[in-house]
Amino acid sequence: MKKNLGEFACFRWWIPFTAAILIFAVSSGAWAGQKKKKPAGSDNSNEAVPMPPLAPADEIDHDIGEMLGAFQVGDIEAMHKYYADNVTFVSSAYEPPLAGWGNYVAVYQRERAAFQGVQLIRRNTFIFPHGDVAWASYQWEFQSSLNGRPYIVRGQTTLVLTKVGNNWLIVHNHTSEICPTSSGGQQQPVVQGPPGSIPEPAPEAPRQ
């Protein structure tokens, strides 16, 4: 009889212990299920949120910056992304406009080969969208080195753009250099050499 009572006492001790294990297992599973399943409308901070579309003027301003960045480093393919194949170019030289992207590339590469370390600073950009057509104007400063000497020239550009699909493409580029003049109205050389150096004729900067 004592033996049976001892066995019964051991059995009574295991009942609460086993119940505690079952309660812990059930509650852990429920907590894991709640953690995995998020309620509707919860914030998913890791998911990418689409950016709102830019206003036409902001989009064009961004594209001009990208185009001029490619112009500085001589990346023809990146420049072409922002120009139409039938684009026309007007420069400050007394000559007919260039028509077609391929014709422009040949002139651009020839003119740029004379310069080292090109930097183009853009200022005072004004953009006027009108439906699927827009025009933009800005001032620029071209800084480079020519034959080992500093070369600085300033000018202004007017662009005409049309929207093709979701992209704005430049269809016309009118770029003019501004030659500084002295008080007597005579043109001054645009090549900036060391003090006391003899001025030399300056070639035209690469067309933008």
C-alpha atoms as a PDB file:
ATOM      1  CA  MET A   1       0.000   0.000   0.000  1.00  0.00           C
ATOM      2  CA  LYS A   2       2.838   2.382   0.800  1.00  0.00           C
ATOM      3  CA  LYS A   3       4.352   1.634  -2.541  1.00  0.00           C
ATOM      4  CA  ASN A   4       1.160   2.608  -4.330  1.00  0.00           C
ATOM      5  CA  LEU A   5       0.924   5.861  -2.390  1.00  0.00           C
ATOM      6  CA  GLY A   6       4.487   6.730  -3.364  1.00  0.00           C
ATOM      7  CA  GLU A   7       3.774   6.119  -7.009  1.00  0.00           C
ATOM      8  CA  PHE A   8       0.641   8.247  -6.733  1.00  0.00           C
ATOM      9  CA  ALA A   9       2.620  11.048  -5.107  1.00  0.00           C
ATOM     10  CA  CYS A  10       5.155  11.010  -7.970  1.00  0.00           C
ATOM     11  CA  PHE A  11       2.352  11.065 -10.501  1.00  0.00           C
ATOM     12  CA  ARG A  12       0.770  14.110  -8.779  1.00  0.00           C
ATOM     13  CA  TRP A  13       4.113  15.931  -9.031  1.00  0.00           C
ATOM     14  CA  TRP A  14       4.369  15.316 -12.790  1.00  0.00           C
ATOM     15  CA  ILE A  15       0.846  16.650 -13.535  1.00  0.00           C
ATOM     16  CA  PRO A  16       1.586  20.376 -12.925  1.00  0.00           C
ATOM     17  CA  PHE A  17       5.028  20.081 -14.566  1.00  0.00           C
ATOM     18  CA  THR A  18       3.571  18.550 -17.739  1.00  0.00           C
ATOM     19  CA  ALA A  19       0.777  21.114 -17.798  1.00  0.00           C
ATOM     20  CA  ALA A  20       3.316  23.939 -17.558  1.00  0.00           C
ATOM     21  CA  ILE A  21       5.222  22.551 -20.559  1.00  0.00           C
ATOM     22  CA  LEU A  22       2.027  22.316 -22.623  1.00  0.00           C
ATOM     23  CA  ILE A  23       0.964  25.850 -21.713  1.00  0.00           C
ATOM     24  CA  PHE A  24       4.399  27.223 -22.671  1.00  0.00           C
ATOM     25  CA  ALA A  25       4.379  25.375 -26.009  1.00  0.00           C
ATOM     26  CA  VAL A  26       0.889  26.597 -26.922  1.00  0.00           C
ATOM     27  CA  SER A  27       1.574  30.189 -25.902  1.00  0.00           C
ATOM     28  CA  SER A  28       4.894  30.220 -27.798  1.00  0.00           C
ATOM     29  CA  GLY A  29       3.199  28.980 -30.967  1.00  0.00           C
ATOM     30  CA  ALA A  30       0.464  31.576 -30.692  1.00  0.00           C
ATOM     31  CA  TRP A  31       3.030  34.369 -30.165  1.00  0.00           C
ATOM     32  CA  ALA A  32       5.033  33.215 -33.181  1.00  0.00           C
ATOM     33  CA  GLY A  33       1.865  33.147 -35.297  1.00  0.00           C
ATOM     34  CA  GLN A  34       0.964  36.676 -34.237  1.00  0.00           C
ATOM     35  CA  LYS A  35       4.477  37.913 -35.015  1.00  0.00           C
ATOM     36  CA  LYS A  36       4.456  36.339 -38.470  1.00  0.00           C
ATOM     37  CA  LYS A  37       0.992  37.530 -39.417  1.00  0.00           C
ATOM     38  CA  LYS A  38       0.754  41.336 -39.421  1.00  0.00           C
ATOM     39  CA  PRO A  39      -2.633  42.992 -39.196  1.00  0.00           C
ATOM     40  CA  ALA A  40      -4.028  44.644 -42.298  1.00  0.00           C
ATOM     41  CA  GLY A  41      -2.821  48.183 -42.818  1.00  0.00           C
ATOM     42  CA  SER A  42       0.397  47.677 -40.854  1.00  0.00           C
ATOM     43  CA  ASP A  43       3.480  49.688 -41.838  1.00  0.00           C
ATOM     44  CA  ASN A  44       5.997  47.724 -43.926  1.00  0.00           C
ATOM     45  CA  SER A  45       9.036  49.947 -43.550  1.00  0.00           C
ATOM     46  CA  ASN A  46      11.274  47.610 -45.574  1.00  0.00           C
ATOM     47  CA  GLU A  47       9.152  47.840 -48.725  1.00  0.00           C
ATOM     48  CA  ALA A  48      10.240  50.359 -51.374  1.00  0.00           C
ATOM     49  CA  VAL A  49       7.909  53.331 -51.655  1.00  0.00           C
ATOM     50  CA  PRO A  50       7.539  54.647 -55.230  1.00  0.00           C
ATOM     51  CA  MET A  51       8.685  58.241 -55.627  1.00  0.00           C
ATOM     52  CA  PRO A  52       6.136  60.746 -56.932  1.00  0.00           C
ATOM     53  CA  PRO A  53       6.789  61.911 -60.522  1.00  0.00           C
ATOM     54  CA  LEU A  54       8.819  65.082 -60.932  1.00  0.00           C
ATOM     55  CA  ALA A  55       7.290  68.255 -62.328  1.00  0.00           C
ATOM     56  CA  PRO A  56       8.290  68.802 -66.007  1.00  0.00           C
ATOM     57  CA  ALA A  57      10.622  71.711 -65.154  1.00  0.00           C
ATOM     58  CA  ASP A  58      12.363  69.675 -62.436  1.00  0.00           C
ATOM     59  CA  GLU A  59      12.707  66.673 -64.740  1.00  0.00           C
ATOM     60  CA  ILE A  60      14.214  68.799 -67.514  1.00  0.00           C
ATOM     61  CA  ASP A  61      16.591  70.506 -65.087  1.00  0.00           C
ATOM     62  CA  HIS A  62      17.772  67.080 -63.894  1.00  0.00           C
ATOM     63  CA  ASP A  63      18.247  65.893 -67.491  1.00  0.00           C
ATOM     64  CA  ILE A  64      20.290  68.975 -68.405  1.00  0.00           C
ATOM     65  CA  GLY A  65      22.566  68.309 -65.444  1.00  0.00           C
ATOM     66  CA  GLU A  66      23.032  64.685 -66.499  1.00  0.00           C
ATOM     67  CA  MET A  67      23.706  65.710 -70.103  1.00  0.00           C
ATOM     68  CA  LEU A  68      26.340  68.293 -69.116  1.00  0.00           C
ATOM     69  CA  GLY A  69      27.963  65.788 -66.761  1.00  0.00           C
ATOM     70  CA  ALA A  70      28.372  63.398 -69.700  1.00  0.00           C
ATOM     71  CA  PHE A  71      29.607  66.314 -71.843  1.00  0.00           C
ATOM     72  CA  GLN A  72      32.414  67.026 -69.363  1.00  0.00           C
ATOM     73  CA  VAL A  73      33.755  63.465 -69.315  1.00  0.00           C
ATOM     74  CA  GLY A  74      33.219  62.814 -73.026  1.00  0.00           C
ATOM     75  CA  ASP A  75      30.595  60.073 -72.607  1.00  0.00           C
ATOM     76  CA  ILE A  76      28.902  60.099 -76.019  1.00  0.00           C
ATOM     77  CA  GLU A  77      26.373  57.367 -75.232  1.00  0.00           C
ATOM     78  CA  ALA A  78      25.214  59.081 -72.037  1.00  0.00           C
ATOM     79  CA  MET A  79      24.841  62.391 -73.905  1.00  0.00           C
ATOM     80  CA  HIS A  80      22.838  60.756 -76.689  1.00  0.00           C
ATOM     81  CA  LYS A  81      20.261  59.650 -74.117  1.00  0.00           C
ATOM     82  CA  TYR A  82      19.063  63.282 -73.905  1.00  0.00           C
ATOM     83  CA  TYR A  83      19.317  64.258 -77.601  1.00  0.00           C
ATOM     84  CA  ALA A  84      17.039  63.393 -80.515  1.00  0.00           C
ATOM     85  CA  ASP A  85      18.663  61.799 -83.570  1.00  0.00           C
ATOM     86  CA  ASN A  86      17.538  64.730 -85.734  1.00  0.00           C
ATOM     87  CA  VAL A  87      18.776  67.435 -83.347  1.00  0.00           C
ATOM     88  CA  THR A  88      20.162  70.684 -84.747  1.00  0.00           C
ATOM     89  CA  PHE A  89      23.037  72.706 -83.262  1.00  0.00           C
ATOM     90  CA  VAL A  90      23.745  76.415 -83.703  1.00  0.00           C
ATOM     91  CA  SER A  91      27.071  77.738 -82.427  1.00  0.00           C
ATOM     92  CA  SER A  92      28.674  81.171 -82.118  1.00  0.00           C
ATOM     93  CA  ALA A  93      30.712  80.467 -85.267  1.00  0.00           C
ATOM     94  CA  TYR A  94      29.545  82.051 -88.515  1.00  0.00           C
ATOM     95  CA  GLU A  95      28.467  78.804 -90.182  1.00  0.00           C
ATOM     96  CA  PRO A  96      25.289  76.818 -90.972  1.00  0.00           C
ATOM     97  CA  PRO A  97      23.807  74.786 -88.126  1.00  0.00           C
ATOM     98  CA  LEU A  98      24.795  71.185 -87.644  1.00  0.00           C
ATOM     99  CA  ALA A  99      21.939  68.781 -88.364  1.00  0.00           C
ATOM    100  CA  GLY A 100      21.823  65.265 -86.930  1.00  0.00           C
ATOM    101  CA  TRP A 101      23.379  63.621 -83.897  1.00  0.00           C
ATOM    102  CA  GLY A 102      26.044  61.793 -85.911  1.00  0.00           C
ATOM    103  CA  ASN A 103      27.342  65.032 -87.464  1.00  0.00           C
ATOM    104  CA  TYR A 104      27.484  66.687 -84.046  1.00  0.00           C
ATOM    105  CA  VAL A 105      29.451  63.821 -82.481  1.00  0.00           C
ATOM    106  CA  ALA A 106      32.194  64.088 -85.106  1.00  0.00           C
ATOM    107  CA  VAL A 107      32.644  67.830 -84.454  1.00  0.00           C
ATOM    108  CA  TYR A 108      32.375  67.459 -80.677  1.00  0.00           C
ATOM    109  CA  GLN A 109      35.081  64.792 -80.505  1.00  0.00           C
ATOM    110  CA  ARG A 110      37.411  66.813 -82.743  1.00  0.00           C
ATOM    111  CA  GLU A 111      36.970  70.004 -80.706  1.00  0.00           C
ATOM    112  CA  ARG A 112      37.189  68.304 -77.310  1.00  0.00           C
ATOM    113  CA  ALA A 113      40.456  66.517 -78.170  1.00  0.00           C
ATOM    114  CA  ALA A 114      42.332  69.827 -77.795  1.00  0.00           C
ATOM    115  CA  PHE A 115      41.298  70.298 -74.144  1.00  0.00           C
ATOM    116  CA  GLN A 116      42.296  68.574 -70.913  1.00  0.00           C
ATOM    117  CA  GLY A 117      40.313  68.478 -67.666  1.00  0.00           C
ATOM    118  CA  VAL A 118      36.994  69.919 -68.849  1.00  0.00           C
ATOM    119  CA  GLN A 119      34.645  71.452 -66.282  1.00  0.00           C
ATOM    120  CA  LEU A 120      31.381  73.181 -67.136  1.00  0.00           C
ATOM    121  CA  ILE A 121      29.574  75.300 -64.548  1.00  0.00           C
ATOM    122  CA  ARG A 122      25.885  76.051 -65.178  1.00  0.00           C
ATOM    123  CA  ARG A 123      24.111  79.089 -63.735  1.00  0.00           C
ATOM    124  CA  ASN A 124      20.742  80.861 -63.945  1.00  0.00           C
ATOM    125  CA  THR A 125      18.700  78.107 -65.572  1.00  0.00           C
ATOM    126  CA  PHE A 126      15.176  79.036 -66.692  1.00  0.00           C
ATOM    127  CA  ILE A 127      12.817  76.349 -68.002  1.00  0.00           C
ATOM    128  CA  PHE A 128       9.442  76.896 -69.679  1.00  0.00           C
ATOM    129  CA  PRO A 129       7.355  73.747 -70.288  1.00  0.00           C
ATOM    130  CA  HIS A 130       4.312  74.062 -72.557  1.00  0.00           C
ATOM    131  CA  GLY A 131       2.552  70.744 -73.062  1.00  0.00           C
ATOM    132  CA  ASP A 132       4.872  68.344 -74.872  1.00  0.00           C
ATOM    133  CA  VAL A 133       7.276  71.160 -75.812  1.00  0.00           C
ATOM    134  CA  ALA A 134       9.659  73.072 -73.555  1.00  0.00           C
ATOM    135  CA  TRP A 135      12.544  75.476 -73.852  1.00  0.00           C
ATOM    136  CA  ALA A 136      15.346  76.185 -71.430  1.00  0.00           C
ATOM    137  CA  SER A 137      18.111  78.759 -71.194  1.00  0.00           C
ATOM    138  CA  TYR A 138      21.156  78.942 -68.943  1.00  0.00           C
ATOM    139  CA  GLN A 139      24.538  80.612 -68.626  1.00  0.00           C
ATOM    140  CA  TRP A 140      27.712  78.561 -68.451  1.00  0.00           C
ATOM    141  CA  GLU A 141      31.406  78.836 -67.724  1.00  0.00           C
ATOM    142  CA  PHE A 142      33.791  76.467 -69.497  1.00  0.00           C
ATOM    143  CA  GLN A 143      37.031  75.768 -67.621  1.00  0.00           C
ATOM    144  CA  SER A 144      39.793  73.629 -69.038  1.00  0.00           C
ATOM    145  CA  SER A 145      43.455  73.498 -70.017  1.00  0.00           C
ATOM    146  CA  LEU A 146      44.754  74.119 -73.530  1.00  0.00           C
ATOM    147  CA  ASN A 147      48.394  73.340 -74.339  1.00  0.00           C
ATOM    148  CA  GLY A 148      49.168  73.347 -70.631  1.00  0.00           C
ATOM    149  CA  ARG A 149      47.621  76.756 -70.015  1.00  0.00           C
ATOM    150  CA  PRO A 150      44.339  77.628 -68.282  1.00  0.00           C
ATOM    151  CA  TYR A 151      41.432  78.189 -70.633  1.00  0.00           C
ATOM    152  CA  ILE A 152      38.243  79.903 -69.467  1.00  0.00           C
ATOM    153  CA  VAL A 153      35.313  81.017 -71.585  1.00  0.00           C
ATOM    154  CA  ARG A 154      31.715  81.955 -70.774  1.00  0.00           C
ATOM    155  CA  GLY A 155      28.529  81.804 -72.773  1.00  0.00           C
ATOM    156  CA  GLN A 156      24.858  80.947 -72.829  1.00  0.00           C
ATOM    157  CA  THR A 157      22.699  78.174 -74.244  1.00  0.00           C
ATOM    158  CA  THR A 158      19.073  77.842 -75.302  1.00  0.00           C
ATOM    159  CA  LEU A 159      17.557  74.376 -75.674  1.00  0.00           C
ATOM    160  CA  VAL A 160      14.290  73.318 -77.291  1.00  0.00           C
ATOM    161  CA  LEU A 161      12.905  69.985 -76.096  1.00  0.00           C
ATOM    162  CA  THR A 162      10.003  67.729 -77.012  1.00  0.00           C
ATOM    163  CA  LYS A 163       8.524  64.913 -74.957  1.00  0.00           C
ATOM    164  CA  VAL A 164       8.782  61.487 -76.587  1.00  0.00           C
ATOM    165  CA  GLY A 165       7.002  58.848 -74.505  1.00  0.00           C
ATOM    166  CA  ASN A 166       8.096  59.505 -70.927  1.00  0.00           C
ATOM    167  CA  ASN A 167      11.347  61.273 -71.841  1.00  0.00           C
ATOM    168  CA  TRP A 168      12.292  64.829 -72.778  1.00  0.00           C
ATOM    169  CA  LEU A 169      14.664  65.013 -75.764  1.00  0.00           C
ATOM    170  CA  ILE A 170      16.658  68.021 -76.964  1.00  0.00           C
ATOM    171  CA  VAL A 171      15.788  68.786 -80.597  1.00  0.00           C
ATOM    172  CA  HIS A 172      17.591  72.131 -80.892  1.00  0.00           C
ATOM    173  CA  ASN A 173      20.678  73.540 -79.163  1.00  0.00           C
ATOM    174  CA  HIS A 174      21.808  77.155 -79.643  1.00  0.00           C
ATOM    175  CA  THR A 175      25.074  77.796 -77.790  1.00  0.00           C
ATOM    176  CA  SER A 176      27.012  81.065 -78.003  1.00  0.00           C
ATOM    177  CA  GLU A 177      30.276  82.096 -76.408  1.00  0.00           C
ATOM    178  CA  ILE A 178      30.529  85.593 -74.955  1.00  0.00           C
ATOM    179  CA  CYS A 179      33.740  87.395 -75.779  1.00  0.00           C
ATOM    180  CA  PRO A 180      34.660  89.983 -73.114  1.00  0.00           C
ATOM    181  CA  THR A 181      35.383  93.489 -74.401  1.00  0.00           C
ATOM    182  CA  SER A 182      37.640  96.243 -73.123  1.00  0.00           C
ATOM    183  CA  SER A 183      36.473  99.766 -72.315  1.00  0.00           C
ATOM    184  CA  GLY A 184      37.249 100.740 -75.896  1.00  0.00           C
ATOM    185  CA  GLY A 185      34.919  98.073 -77.266  1.00  0.00           C
ATOM    186  CA  GLN A 186      37.683  95.797 -78.576  1.00  0.00           C
ATOM    187  CA  GLN A 187      37.405  92.061 -78.052  1.00  0.00           C
ATOM    188  CA  GLN A 188      39.764  90.527 -75.529  1.00  0.00           C
ATOM    189  CA  PRO A 189      41.323  87.053 -75.784  1.00  0.00           C
ATOM    190  CA  VAL A 190      39.432  84.402 -73.865  1.00  0.00           C
ATOM    191  CA  VAL A 191      42.519  82.309 -73.142  1.00  0.00           C
ATOM    192  CA  GLN A 192      43.629  83.131 -69.601  1.00  0.00           C
ATOM    193  CA  GLY A 193      47.411  82.670 -69.452  1.00  0.00           C
ATOM    194  CA  PRO A 194      49.981  83.614 -66.803  1.00  0.00           C
ATOM    195  CA  PRO A 195      50.404  87.338 -66.062  1.00  0.00           C
ATOM    196  CA  GLY A 196      52.497  89.069 -68.727  1.00  0.00           C
ATOM    197  CA  SER A 197      52.078  86.305 -71.304  1.00  0.00           C
ATOM    198  CA  ILE A 198      51.356  87.112 -74.937  1.00  0.00           C
ATOM    199  CA  PRO A 199      47.697  86.543 -75.836  1.00  0.00           C
ATOM    200  CA  GLU A 200      47.032  83.947 -78.512  1.00  0.00           C
ATOM    201  CA  PRO A 201      43.922  83.258 -80.610  1.00  0.00           C
ATOM    202  CA  ALA A 202      41.515  81.038 -78.740  1.00  0.00           C
ATOM    203  CA  PRO A 203      39.751  78.107 -80.419  1.00  0.00           C
ATOM    204  CA  GLU A 204      36.063  77.606 -79.834  1.00  0.00           C
ATOM    205  CA  ALA A 205      35.102  75.508 -76.827  1.00  0.00           C
ATOM    206  CA  PRO A 206      33.394  72.184 -77.603  1.00  0.00           C
ATOM    207  CA  ARG A 207      29.733  72.700 -78.462  1.00  0.00           C
ATOM    208  CA  GLN A 208      27.320  71.571 -75.796  1.00  0.00           C
END
